[in-house]
Amino acid sequence: MSTTAYAKVWKEARTYALTPDQVASPLVGRPYDLRHATVSLWLNSGVPAPDVAERAGHSVDVLLRVYGKCIDGQREVANQRIARALTA
């Protein structure tokens, strides 16, 4: 399949999978963006960084340098884990 044909199919598929506002955004503008979304999802789901790095084919250092800024919303869970560890 040519790159042009692939891009055309991808662009059309986005219109079926996304809302009109999302289609107008850069969200998954390229198939490669799905990789970034997947790795970010794994990290934000609490999968340990070494496991995510292995699945993504990165070192932990590279993983955190590239995707560390995507980790969000885990402070409260981390605080609870720390508090439990300190009282155990």
Protein backbone atom coordinates (compact mmCIF):
# COMPACT_ATOMS: atom_id res chain seq x y z
CA MET A 1 0.00 0.00 0.00
CA SER A 2 1.40 3.40 -0.88
CA THR A 3 1.96 6.06 1.75
CA THR A 4 -0.57 8.29 0.05
CA ALA A 5 -3.27 5.62 0.09
CA TYR A 6 -2.51 4.77 3.71
CA ALA A 7 -2.76 8.43 4.72
CA LYS A 8 -6.08 8.80 2.88
CA VAL A 9 -7.57 5.75 4.63
CA TRP A 10 -6.26 6.92 8.01
CA LYS A 11 -7.77 10.39 7.53
CA GLU A 12 -11.14 8.89 6.65
CA ALA A 13 -11.02 6.41 9.55
CA ARG A 14 -10.51 9.30 11.98
CA THR A 15 -13.86 10.77 10.87
CA TYR A 16 -15.61 7.54 11.91
CA ALA A 17 -13.77 7.07 15.19
CA LEU A 18 -13.58 10.62 16.54
CA THR A 19 -15.95 13.47 17.26
CA PRO A 20 -15.89 16.43 14.84
CA ASP A 21 -13.90 18.50 17.36
CA GLN A 22 -11.36 15.71 17.73
CA VAL A 23 -11.08 15.33 13.95
CA ALA A 24 -10.29 19.07 13.73
CA SER A 25 -7.55 18.61 16.36
CA PRO A 26 -4.15 16.96 15.88
CA LEU A 27 -5.34 13.97 17.95
CA VAL A 28 -3.99 10.77 16.34
CA GLY A 29 -3.18 12.67 13.20
CA ARG A 30 -0.76 9.89 12.30
CA PRO A 31 -0.88 6.17 13.11
CA TYR A 32 2.37 6.59 15.07
CA ASP A 33 0.48 8.83 17.52
CA LEU A 34 -1.29 5.71 18.76
CA ARG A 35 2.03 4.48 20.16
CA HIS A 36 2.41 7.67 22.20
CA ALA A 37 -1.18 7.40 23.41
CA THR A 38 -0.69 3.76 24.38
CA VAL A 39 2.52 4.34 26.32
CA SER A 40 0.97 7.36 28.07
CA LEU A 41 -2.11 5.31 28.96
CA TRP A 42 0.00 2.52 30.43
CA LEU A 43 1.98 4.97 32.57
CA ASN A 44 -1.14 6.78 33.76
CA SER A 45 -2.79 3.46 34.58
CA GLY A 46 -0.04 2.79 37.09
CA VAL A 47 1.94 0.21 35.12
CA PRO A 48 5.49 0.39 36.53
CA ALA A 49 7.92 2.29 34.31
CA PRO A 50 10.27 -0.71 33.83
CA ASP A 51 7.37 -2.79 32.51
CA VAL A 52 6.20 -0.02 30.18
CA ALA A 53 9.76 0.52 28.96
CA GLU A 54 10.14 -3.16 28.14
CA ARG A 55 6.82 -3.32 26.29
CA ALA A 56 7.63 -0.15 24.34
CA GLY A 57 11.19 -1.17 23.56
CA HIS A 58 12.77 1.69 25.51
CA SER A 59 15.18 1.95 28.38
CA VAL A 60 13.57 3.37 31.52
CA ASP A 61 15.72 6.48 31.09
CA VAL A 62 14.44 7.13 27.57
CA LEU A 63 10.87 6.27 28.56
CA LEU A 64 10.80 8.80 31.39
CA ARG A 65 12.59 11.47 29.37
CA VAL A 66 10.09 11.18 26.51
CA TYR A 67 6.89 10.30 28.36
CA GLY A 68 7.46 11.53 31.92
CA LYS A 69 5.61 14.76 31.19
CA CYS A 70 2.51 12.70 30.32
CA ILE A 71 2.18 11.13 33.77
CA ASP A 72 -0.65 12.91 35.54
CA GLY A 73 -3.11 12.41 38.35
CA GLN A 74 -1.22 9.86 40.41
CA ARG A 75 -0.11 12.03 43.32
CA GLU A 76 -2.91 10.97 45.68
CA VAL A 77 -2.37 7.26 44.99
CA ALA A 78 1.37 7.71 45.51
CA ASN A 79 0.77 9.56 48.78
CA GLN A 80 -1.49 6.74 50.01
CA ARG A 81 1.13 4.11 49.13
CA ILE A 82 3.83 6.09 50.94
CA ALA A 83 1.61 6.53 54.01
CA ARG A 84 0.80 2.80 54.08
CA ALA A 85 4.48 1.91 53.79
CA LEU A 86 5.38 4.24 56.65
CA THR A 87 2.74 2.76 58.96
CA ALA A 88 3.42 -0.89 58.12
